[in-house]
Amino acid sequence: MQRIINYQRSAIVIICIVSCVFTLMQCIDHGNDANEKKEKNAIITNTKNVNFQQFAGSSTCAGCHKKIYESQLHTAHYFTSQPAVENIIKGSFEEGKNMYPYSPSLYVVMEKRAGKLYQVVYSSGVEKASASIDIVVGSGAKGQTYLSWKNHELFQMPVSYLTSADEWANSPGYPNQVVFNRPATSRCLECHSTYAKTISPPEKVPEEFDQQQIVYGVDCEKCHGPAAKHVEYQKQNPKESKAKYIINPAMLSRQQNLDLCALCHGGRLQKTKPSFEFIAGDKLSDYFVRDTTSPGTRSIDVHGNQYGLLSESKCFRVSKTLTCITCHNPHENERGKVTSFSQKCMTCHTQEHGTFCKIDPGMVSSINKNCIDCHMPRQRSMSIALVLPGADIPTAALIHTHLIKVYPNETKEFIANNNKLHKPR
């Protein structure tokens, strides 16, 4: 009898212990669920509320940084977007040069009317539609495309400009017909401007923007953060030598620097927070989800995902410090300065380290001036591919790849051209 009572007591104790453990586990699980919900809610709702008033404008920076400001005015970044005026549009408005034909009877004419610029649609000589050219997108180094306001909505126009051909062309990805219905999104503007105020609710498509609250181009504050507070403080404290309320990218970590460039040069990114909330120093993954469906570098276009190509390069993988600004100075127009870029290559690739170029030693003087054409050759960009008048196949812009490696065919071509250049006469 006593043994039965002892068993009963033991069973009761065990049941109590199990119940306590189960209850404790439930509390822990509920606690974790609550924390996860809080974290998820924080991702959705925790924004900086970046606004137009926080920006000083790059011209304000000239007061203390005149040389850098004046140099940056000549960069492709600065001209990434601008209000449309005739002298910055590369295509011609002269009669005979201002038309893009879709067919013998359907064409678009670039016209000047009452001080404004238009794309006008004609069918069999009869005007059918028109839209004003309001914003120029692109520096013109490779080409330009154009946006038109319709109330507070922005739309890409059907005709763009391809610099290499010096001709008007069908906008990239457009059907061979005249349409004005491709909206410019806040994500588009995030890479082609420093700031644009969205005034429509998140679910509205097309989005609406405040025309008076746009900071055009990729200027100082894109990389250094909104500067109004910095300017105000420094004016009130002119003797303060340490800059306050501003971001110095040179002080950021390697990944922070890479994330800053990858915002626009990192391929397809799906945003998880409103556009323009990300600023220099932020972690890109807190604002975007990367496209991981890409099967490899072969599918990466040379325009728009330079970071993806660079990250697959051996130079990048073996280095602990290499970033975009190792080779690029965003304050200067470095286009075409092949020798300057090559000298940066040779800070690491030296004969002393055994990493210098292995081709004909007699070509050292040529190699010193050009590593780029062999190891970062120009390749076709299908994201900047435009159909020229009378053509069926798009003409692609050629852009230097950022997948740094040995390209045998391009190297052979470089050697052959070098030999022709230095052949005795």
Protein backbone atom coordinates (compact mmCIF):
# COMPACT_ATOMS: atom_id res chain seq x y z
CA MET A 1 0.00 0.00 0.00
CA GLN A 2 2.80 2.40 0.94
CA ARG A 3 4.55 1.58 -2.32
CA ILE A 4 1.40 2.52 -4.28
CA ILE A 5 1.15 5.82 -2.40
CA ASN A 6 4.83 6.56 -3.16
CA TYR A 7 4.26 5.81 -6.88
CA GLN A 8 1.24 8.13 -6.87
CA ARG A 9 3.24 10.90 -5.23
CA SER A 10 6.07 10.41 -7.74
CA ALA A 11 3.64 10.55 -10.63
CA ILE A 12 2.10 13.74 -9.30
CA VAL A 13 5.55 15.33 -8.93
CA ILE A 14 6.55 14.31 -12.45
CA ILE A 15 3.29 15.67 -13.87
CA CYS A 16 3.85 18.94 -12.04
CA ILE A 17 7.41 19.22 -13.32
CA VAL A 18 6.34 18.47 -16.91
CA SER A 19 3.52 20.99 -16.63
CA CYS A 20 5.88 23.67 -15.35
CA VAL A 21 8.36 22.97 -18.13
CA PHE A 22 5.61 23.03 -20.75
CA THR A 23 4.22 26.28 -19.36
CA LEU A 24 7.71 27.82 -19.31
CA MET A 25 8.32 26.76 -22.90
CA GLN A 26 5.00 28.26 -23.93
CA CYS A 27 5.97 31.55 -22.26
CA ILE A 28 9.33 31.53 -24.01
CA ASP A 29 7.70 30.76 -27.38
CA HIS A 30 5.10 33.48 -26.90
CA GLY A 31 7.87 35.87 -25.90
CA ASN A 32 9.87 35.02 -29.02
CA ASP A 33 6.75 35.39 -31.17
CA ALA A 34 6.12 38.80 -29.65
CA ASN A 35 9.72 39.87 -30.26
CA GLU A 36 9.60 38.61 -33.85
CA LYS A 37 6.38 40.52 -34.42
CA LYS A 38 7.97 43.65 -32.98
CA GLU A 39 11.01 43.21 -35.23
CA LYS A 40 8.83 42.67 -38.30
CA ASN A 41 6.75 45.70 -37.43
CA ALA A 42 9.95 47.70 -36.93
CA ILE A 43 11.13 46.75 -40.42
CA ILE A 44 7.87 47.96 -41.90
CA THR A 45 7.27 51.08 -39.85
CA ASN A 46 10.67 52.27 -38.65
CA THR A 47 11.62 54.93 -41.21
CA LYS A 48 13.80 58.00 -40.95
CA ASN A 49 11.20 60.24 -42.55
CA VAL A 50 13.84 61.77 -44.82
CA ASN A 51 12.34 64.93 -46.28
CA PHE A 52 13.16 67.73 -48.72
CA GLN A 53 13.84 70.28 -45.97
CA GLN A 54 16.79 68.20 -44.72
CA PHE A 55 18.69 68.87 -47.98
CA ALA A 56 20.83 71.95 -48.43
CA GLY A 57 21.50 71.58 -52.16
CA SER A 58 24.95 71.00 -53.60
CA SER A 59 25.43 74.68 -54.47
CA THR A 60 25.47 75.38 -50.73
CA CYS A 61 28.45 73.04 -50.38
CA ALA A 62 30.45 75.36 -52.64
CA GLY A 63 30.80 77.86 -49.81
CA CYS A 64 33.36 75.66 -48.05
CA HIS A 65 34.20 73.04 -50.69
CA LYS A 66 34.41 75.11 -53.85
CA LYS A 67 37.06 73.06 -55.67
CA ILE A 68 35.32 69.73 -55.04
CA TYR A 69 31.93 71.22 -55.92
CA GLU A 70 33.15 72.66 -59.22
CA SER A 71 34.84 69.38 -60.12
CA GLN A 72 31.75 67.32 -59.31
CA LEU A 73 29.66 69.49 -61.64
CA HIS A 74 31.37 67.76 -64.59
CA THR A 75 30.66 64.18 -63.53
CA ALA A 76 28.12 61.79 -65.03
CA HIS A 77 26.57 61.43 -61.58
CA TYR A 78 25.74 65.11 -61.45
CA PHE A 79 24.01 64.95 -64.85
CA THR A 80 22.03 61.80 -64.09
CA SER A 81 18.86 63.87 -64.05
CA GLN A 82 18.10 67.51 -64.82
CA PRO A 83 15.15 69.70 -65.73
CA ALA A 84 14.86 69.69 -69.51
CA VAL A 85 16.37 72.60 -71.42
CA GLU A 86 17.47 72.47 -75.04
CA ASN A 87 21.19 72.91 -74.49
CA ILE A 88 21.51 69.78 -72.33
CA ILE A 89 19.49 67.54 -74.66
CA LYS A 90 21.91 65.77 -76.99
CA GLY A 91 19.45 65.05 -79.79
CA SER A 92 18.77 67.61 -82.50
CA PHE A 93 15.63 69.74 -82.88
CA GLU A 94 16.65 70.87 -86.37
CA GLU A 95 14.24 70.02 -89.16
CA GLY A 96 15.32 66.84 -90.91
CA LYS A 97 17.19 65.61 -87.82
CA ASN A 98 14.40 65.77 -85.27
CA MET A 99 12.26 62.78 -86.24
CA TYR A 100 12.03 59.13 -85.24
CA PRO A 101 9.96 57.00 -87.67
CA TYR A 102 8.07 53.94 -86.45
CA SER A 103 6.78 53.38 -89.98
CA PRO A 104 6.48 55.51 -93.13
CA SER A 105 3.19 56.93 -91.83
CA LEU A 106 3.80 56.94 -88.05
CA TYR A 107 6.55 59.04 -86.52
CA VAL A 108 7.51 61.23 -83.57
CA VAL A 109 8.94 64.71 -84.10
CA MET A 110 10.93 66.60 -81.48
CA GLU A 111 9.59 70.15 -81.56
CA LYS A 112 9.97 73.49 -79.80
CA ARG A 113 6.67 75.16 -78.98
CA ALA A 114 6.22 78.38 -77.00
CA GLY A 115 9.53 77.95 -75.19
CA LYS A 116 8.96 74.31 -74.30
CA LEU A 117 10.19 71.05 -75.84
CA TYR A 118 7.84 68.32 -77.01
CA GLN A 119 7.64 64.88 -78.54
CA VAL A 120 4.77 65.08 -81.03
CA VAL A 121 3.13 62.02 -82.61
CA TYR A 122 2.02 62.21 -86.24
CA SER A 123 0.07 59.64 -88.24
CA SER A 124 -0.06 60.26 -91.99
CA GLY A 125 0.92 63.86 -91.34
CA VAL A 126 -1.86 64.47 -88.78
CA GLU A 127 -0.93 65.28 -85.17
CA LYS A 128 -2.34 62.62 -82.84
CA ALA A 129 -0.69 63.32 -79.47
CA SER A 130 2.03 65.30 -77.79
CA ALA A 131 3.84 65.44 -74.44
CA SER A 132 6.32 67.90 -73.04
CA ILE A 133 9.90 66.87 -72.36
CA ASP A 134 10.26 67.82 -68.68
CA ILE A 135 13.20 65.83 -67.26
CA VAL A 136 16.39 64.58 -68.91
CA VAL A 137 17.73 61.29 -67.53
CA GLY A 138 21.33 60.38 -68.32
CA SER A 139 24.49 62.39 -68.78
CA GLY A 140 24.60 61.69 -72.51
CA ALA A 141 27.87 59.78 -72.32
CA LYS A 142 26.00 56.70 -73.55
CA GLY A 143 22.61 58.19 -74.16
CA GLN A 144 19.63 59.99 -72.68
CA THR A 145 16.00 59.24 -72.05
CA TYR A 146 13.26 61.68 -71.13
CA LEU A 147 10.38 61.97 -68.68
CA SER A 148 7.13 63.88 -68.97
CA TRP A 149 4.85 65.16 -66.22
CA LYS A 150 1.16 64.36 -66.33
CA ASN A 151 -0.19 66.26 -63.34
CA HIS A 152 1.92 64.75 -60.54
CA GLU A 153 2.77 61.52 -62.37
CA LEU A 154 5.92 60.92 -64.39
CA PHE A 155 6.16 58.85 -67.56
CA GLN A 156 9.09 57.80 -69.72
CA MET A 157 8.78 59.11 -73.26
CA PRO A 158 8.87 56.79 -76.30
CA VAL A 159 11.91 58.37 -78.00
CA SER A 160 15.38 58.46 -76.42
CA TYR A 161 18.84 59.36 -77.74
CA LEU A 162 21.83 57.08 -78.42
CA THR A 163 25.14 58.92 -78.27
CA SER A 164 27.26 56.43 -80.25
CA ALA A 165 24.98 56.83 -83.27
CA ASP A 166 24.13 60.50 -82.63
CA GLU A 167 20.51 59.68 -83.41
CA TRP A 168 17.08 59.60 -81.85
CA ALA A 169 16.04 56.04 -81.04
CA ASN A 170 13.18 54.01 -79.63
CA SER A 171 13.42 53.97 -75.82
CA PRO A 172 14.93 50.76 -74.33
CA GLY A 173 12.43 47.93 -74.05
CA TYR A 174 9.64 49.86 -75.77
CA PRO A 175 7.42 48.14 -78.35
CA ASN A 176 7.67 49.35 -81.92
CA GLN A 177 4.76 51.69 -81.36
CA VAL A 178 4.20 55.06 -79.72
CA VAL A 179 3.17 54.80 -76.07
CA PHE A 180 3.34 57.27 -73.19
CA ASN A 181 2.25 54.89 -70.43
CA ARG A 182 5.48 53.64 -68.82
CA PRO A 183 5.57 55.24 -65.34
CA ALA A 184 8.76 56.41 -63.66
CA THR A 185 8.73 54.98 -60.14
CA SER A 186 10.28 56.25 -56.92
CA ARG A 187 12.83 53.44 -57.25
CA CYS A 188 13.78 54.78 -60.70
CA LEU A 189 14.21 58.25 -59.23
CA GLU A 190 16.16 56.88 -56.27
CA CYS A 191 19.05 56.06 -58.60
CA HIS A 192 18.63 59.01 -60.94
CA SER A 193 18.23 61.78 -58.38
CA THR A 194 19.27 62.66 -54.85
CA TYR A 195 15.74 63.05 -53.52
CA ALA A 196 12.15 63.11 -54.77
CA LYS A 197 9.09 63.52 -52.59
CA THR A 198 6.38 60.89 -53.12
CA ILE A 199 2.95 62.29 -52.30
CA SER A 200 0.73 59.33 -53.18
CA PRO A 201 -0.20 56.40 -50.90
CA PRO A 202 2.09 53.32 -51.20
CA GLU A 203 -0.50 51.26 -53.07
CA LYS A 204 -1.12 53.83 -55.83
CA VAL A 205 0.26 53.12 -59.29
CA PRO A 206 1.52 55.25 -60.97
CA GLU A 207 3.06 57.07 -58.02
CA GLU A 208 2.73 60.82 -57.65
CA PHE A 209 5.54 63.25 -56.85
CA ASP A 210 5.82 66.84 -55.69
CA GLN A 211 7.39 68.69 -58.61
CA GLN A 212 8.83 71.30 -56.24
CA GLN A 213 10.52 68.81 -53.92
CA ILE A 214 13.11 67.11 -56.12
CA VAL A 215 16.90 67.28 -55.76
CA TYR A 216 18.11 66.52 -59.29
CA GLY A 217 21.23 64.53 -60.13
CA VAL A 218 23.36 62.35 -57.89
CA ASP A 219 25.05 65.13 -56.00
CA CYS A 220 26.99 65.71 -52.77
CA GLU A 221 24.15 64.74 -50.46
CA LYS A 222 23.59 61.37 -52.10
CA CYS A 223 26.91 60.15 -50.69
CA HIS A 224 27.31 62.45 -47.68
CA GLY A 225 23.71 62.49 -46.46
CA PRO A 226 21.23 65.38 -46.15
CA ALA A 227 23.29 68.42 -45.19
CA ALA A 228 20.95 71.22 -44.07
CA LYS A 229 21.69 70.61 -40.39
CA HIS A 230 25.43 70.37 -41.13
CA VAL A 231 25.41 73.69 -43.00
CA GLU A 232 23.45 75.41 -40.25
CA TYR A 233 25.81 74.15 -37.53
CA GLN A 234 29.02 75.02 -39.39
CA LYS A 235 27.77 78.54 -40.15
CA GLN A 236 26.97 79.07 -36.49
CA ASN A 237 30.31 77.57 -35.43
CA PRO A 238 32.83 78.72 -38.08
CA LYS A 239 35.82 77.81 -35.90
CA GLU A 240 34.70 74.22 -35.45
CA SER A 241 37.17 72.16 -37.50
CA LYS A 242 35.43 68.83 -37.03
CA ALA A 243 32.48 68.44 -39.38
CA LYS A 244 29.19 67.72 -37.63
CA TYR A 245 25.94 66.24 -38.92
CA ILE A 246 27.49 64.99 -42.16
CA ILE A 247 28.76 61.62 -43.38
CA ASN A 248 32.32 61.10 -44.55
CA PRO A 249 32.36 57.92 -46.70
CA ALA A 250 36.12 57.62 -46.08
CA MET A 251 35.28 56.79 -42.46
CA LEU A 252 32.79 54.03 -43.35
CA SER A 253 33.58 50.34 -43.27
CA ARG A 254 34.29 48.45 -46.46
CA GLN A 255 30.79 46.99 -46.59
CA GLN A 256 29.16 50.33 -45.85
CA ASN A 257 31.04 51.85 -48.78
CA LEU A 258 30.06 48.97 -51.04
CA ASP A 259 26.42 49.19 -49.96
CA LEU A 260 26.37 52.90 -50.76
CA CYS A 261 27.42 52.24 -54.36
CA ALA A 262 25.33 49.07 -54.62
CA LEU A 263 22.19 51.10 -53.96
CA CYS A 264 22.28 51.96 -57.68
CA HIS A 265 25.00 49.70 -59.03
CA GLY A 266 23.91 46.46 -57.34
CA GLY A 267 21.42 45.03 -59.81
CA ARG A 268 17.78 44.29 -59.13
CA LEU A 269 16.83 45.19 -55.56
CA GLN A 270 13.36 44.80 -54.09
CA LYS A 271 12.78 47.56 -51.57
CA THR A 272 11.31 46.77 -48.14
CA LYS A 273 11.11 50.42 -47.06
CA PRO A 274 10.18 53.60 -48.90
CA SER A 275 12.61 54.96 -51.48
CA PHE A 276 15.11 57.57 -50.29
CA GLU A 277 15.12 56.24 -46.71
CA PHE A 278 18.51 54.58 -47.26
CA ILE A 279 21.39 57.00 -46.72
CA ALA A 280 25.18 56.61 -46.66
CA GLY A 281 26.32 54.39 -43.80
CA ASP A 282 23.14 52.30 -43.73
CA LYS A 283 23.07 48.55 -44.25
CA LEU A 284 21.57 47.86 -47.66
CA SER A 285 19.89 44.63 -46.51
CA ASP A 286 17.85 46.65 -43.99
CA TYR A 287 16.13 48.38 -46.91
CA PHE A 288 16.27 45.94 -49.82
CA VAL A 289 16.15 42.27 -50.72
CA ARG A 290 18.68 41.25 -53.36
CA ASP A 291 17.72 39.27 -56.43
CA THR A 292 19.33 35.88 -55.79
CA THR A 293 17.73 34.10 -58.76
CA SER A 294 20.54 35.07 -61.14
CA PRO A 295 22.40 31.93 -62.28
CA GLY A 296 25.79 33.67 -62.58
CA THR A 297 27.78 36.53 -63.98
CA ARG A 298 26.79 35.71 -67.56
CA SER A 299 23.30 37.04 -66.83
CA ILE A 300 24.54 40.27 -65.22
CA ASP A 301 24.36 43.26 -67.50
CA VAL A 302 27.44 45.49 -67.56
CA HIS A 303 25.19 48.46 -66.78
CA GLY A 304 23.45 48.65 -63.42
CA ASN A 305 25.17 45.81 -61.56
CA GLN A 306 28.83 46.71 -61.51
CA TYR A 307 28.96 45.57 -57.88
CA GLY A 308 27.74 42.08 -58.81
CA LEU A 309 30.48 41.73 -61.43
CA LEU A 310 33.19 43.21 -59.22
CA SER A 311 32.30 40.90 -56.32
CA GLU A 312 32.93 37.89 -58.58
CA SER A 313 36.40 39.17 -59.54
CA LYS A 314 39.49 37.58 -58.01
CA CYS A 315 40.89 41.06 -57.27
CA PHE A 316 37.89 41.71 -55.04
CA ARG A 317 37.75 38.29 -53.42
CA VAL A 318 41.40 38.22 -52.31
CA SER A 319 41.36 41.79 -51.05
CA LYS A 320 40.10 42.96 -47.67
CA THR A 321 39.99 46.62 -48.63
CA LEU A 322 39.03 46.95 -52.32
CA THR A 323 35.88 49.02 -52.87
CA CYS A 324 34.50 51.10 -55.72
CA ILE A 325 36.28 54.24 -54.50
CA THR A 326 39.61 52.41 -54.54
CA CYS A 327 39.56 53.11 -58.28
CA HIS A 328 36.87 55.76 -58.70
CA ASN A 329 36.92 59.31 -57.40
CA PRO A 330 33.24 60.39 -57.43
CA HIS A 331 34.30 64.06 -57.25
CA GLU A 332 35.95 63.96 -60.68
CA ASN A 333 35.02 63.20 -64.26
CA GLU A 334 37.34 60.26 -64.93
CA ARG A 335 35.75 59.11 -68.17
CA GLY A 336 38.37 57.96 -70.66
CA LYS A 337 41.28 58.25 -68.21
CA VAL A 338 42.51 54.72 -68.91
CA THR A 339 46.08 55.47 -67.84
CA SER A 340 44.94 56.77 -64.47
CA PHE A 341 42.87 53.64 -63.82
CA SER A 342 45.74 51.41 -64.95
CA GLN A 343 48.10 53.06 -62.47
CA LYS A 344 45.66 52.13 -59.72
CA CYS A 345 45.74 48.51 -60.90
CA MET A 346 49.52 48.54 -60.59
CA THR A 347 49.52 49.59 -56.96
CA CYS A 348 48.80 45.89 -56.32
CA HIS A 349 49.97 44.20 -59.54
CA THR A 350 53.73 44.71 -59.39
CA GLN A 351 56.76 42.77 -60.56
CA GLU A 352 57.99 42.65 -56.95
CA HIS A 353 54.84 40.82 -55.89
CA GLY A 354 54.95 38.53 -58.92
CA THR A 355 51.52 39.72 -60.02
CA PHE A 356 52.54 41.93 -62.93
CA CYS A 357 51.23 41.28 -66.44
CA LYS A 358 52.78 38.19 -68.03
CA ILE A 359 52.54 39.21 -71.70
CA ASP A 360 55.52 40.39 -73.82
CA PRO A 361 57.90 42.35 -71.53
CA GLY A 362 58.68 44.59 -74.49
CA MET A 363 55.20 46.01 -74.19
CA VAL A 364 55.62 47.23 -70.62
CA SER A 365 55.26 50.89 -71.58
CA SER A 366 51.93 50.14 -73.30
CA ILE A 367 50.73 47.97 -70.43
CA ASN A 368 51.48 50.70 -67.93
CA LYS A 369 49.05 52.91 -69.81
CA ASN A 370 46.26 50.41 -70.36
CA CYS A 371 45.30 47.42 -68.22
CA ILE A 372 41.64 48.12 -68.84
CA ASP A 373 41.09 46.99 -72.45
CA CYS A 374 42.49 43.52 -71.67
CA HIS A 375 40.99 42.92 -68.23
CA MET A 376 37.85 45.07 -68.22
CA PRO A 377 36.90 45.21 -71.92
CA ARG A 378 33.84 46.97 -73.27
CA GLN A 379 30.80 44.73 -73.59
CA ARG A 380 27.28 45.17 -74.91
CA SER A 381 24.68 46.41 -72.43
CA MET A 382 21.23 45.11 -73.24
CA SER A 383 19.70 47.46 -70.67
CA ILE A 384 20.92 50.36 -72.82
CA ALA A 385 19.90 48.92 -76.20
CA LEU A 386 17.91 51.19 -78.49
CA VAL A 387 16.33 50.61 -81.90
CA LEU A 388 17.64 53.13 -84.43
CA PRO A 389 15.56 54.38 -87.37
CA GLY A 390 15.04 51.65 -89.95
CA ALA A 391 16.63 48.94 -87.80
CA ASP A 392 15.06 45.73 -86.48
CA ILE A 393 17.72 44.84 -83.94
CA PRO A 394 18.55 47.14 -81.00
CA THR A 395 21.95 48.82 -80.93
CA ALA A 396 23.56 48.27 -77.54
CA ALA A 397 25.82 50.73 -75.76
CA LEU A 398 29.32 49.42 -75.00
CA ILE A 399 30.40 49.64 -71.35
CA HIS A 400 33.52 48.44 -69.57
CA THR A 401 32.74 45.30 -67.58
CA HIS A 402 33.63 45.20 -63.87
CA LEU A 403 34.26 41.45 -63.97
CA ILE A 404 38.06 41.76 -63.80
CA LYS A 405 39.81 38.74 -65.30
CA VAL A 406 41.84 37.55 -68.28
CA TYR A 407 39.98 37.87 -71.59
CA PRO A 408 42.12 35.97 -74.15
CA ASN A 409 40.46 37.34 -77.30
CA GLU A 410 40.57 40.93 -76.11
CA THR A 411 44.20 40.49 -75.07
CA LYS A 412 45.13 39.18 -78.52
CA GLU A 413 43.37 42.15 -80.09
CA PHE A 414 45.21 44.55 -77.78
CA ILE A 415 48.59 43.01 -78.69
CA ALA A 416 47.78 43.10 -82.42
CA ASN A 417 46.73 46.75 -82.26
CA ASN A 418 49.82 47.61 -80.21
CA ASN A 419 52.09 45.92 -82.76
CA LYS A 420 50.46 47.84 -85.61
CA LEU A 421 50.87 51.08 -83.71
CA HIS A 422 54.59 50.52 -83.07
CA LYS A 423 55.44 48.78 -86.35
CA PRO A 424 58.56 50.37 -87.97
CA ARG A 425 57.85 52.29 -91.15
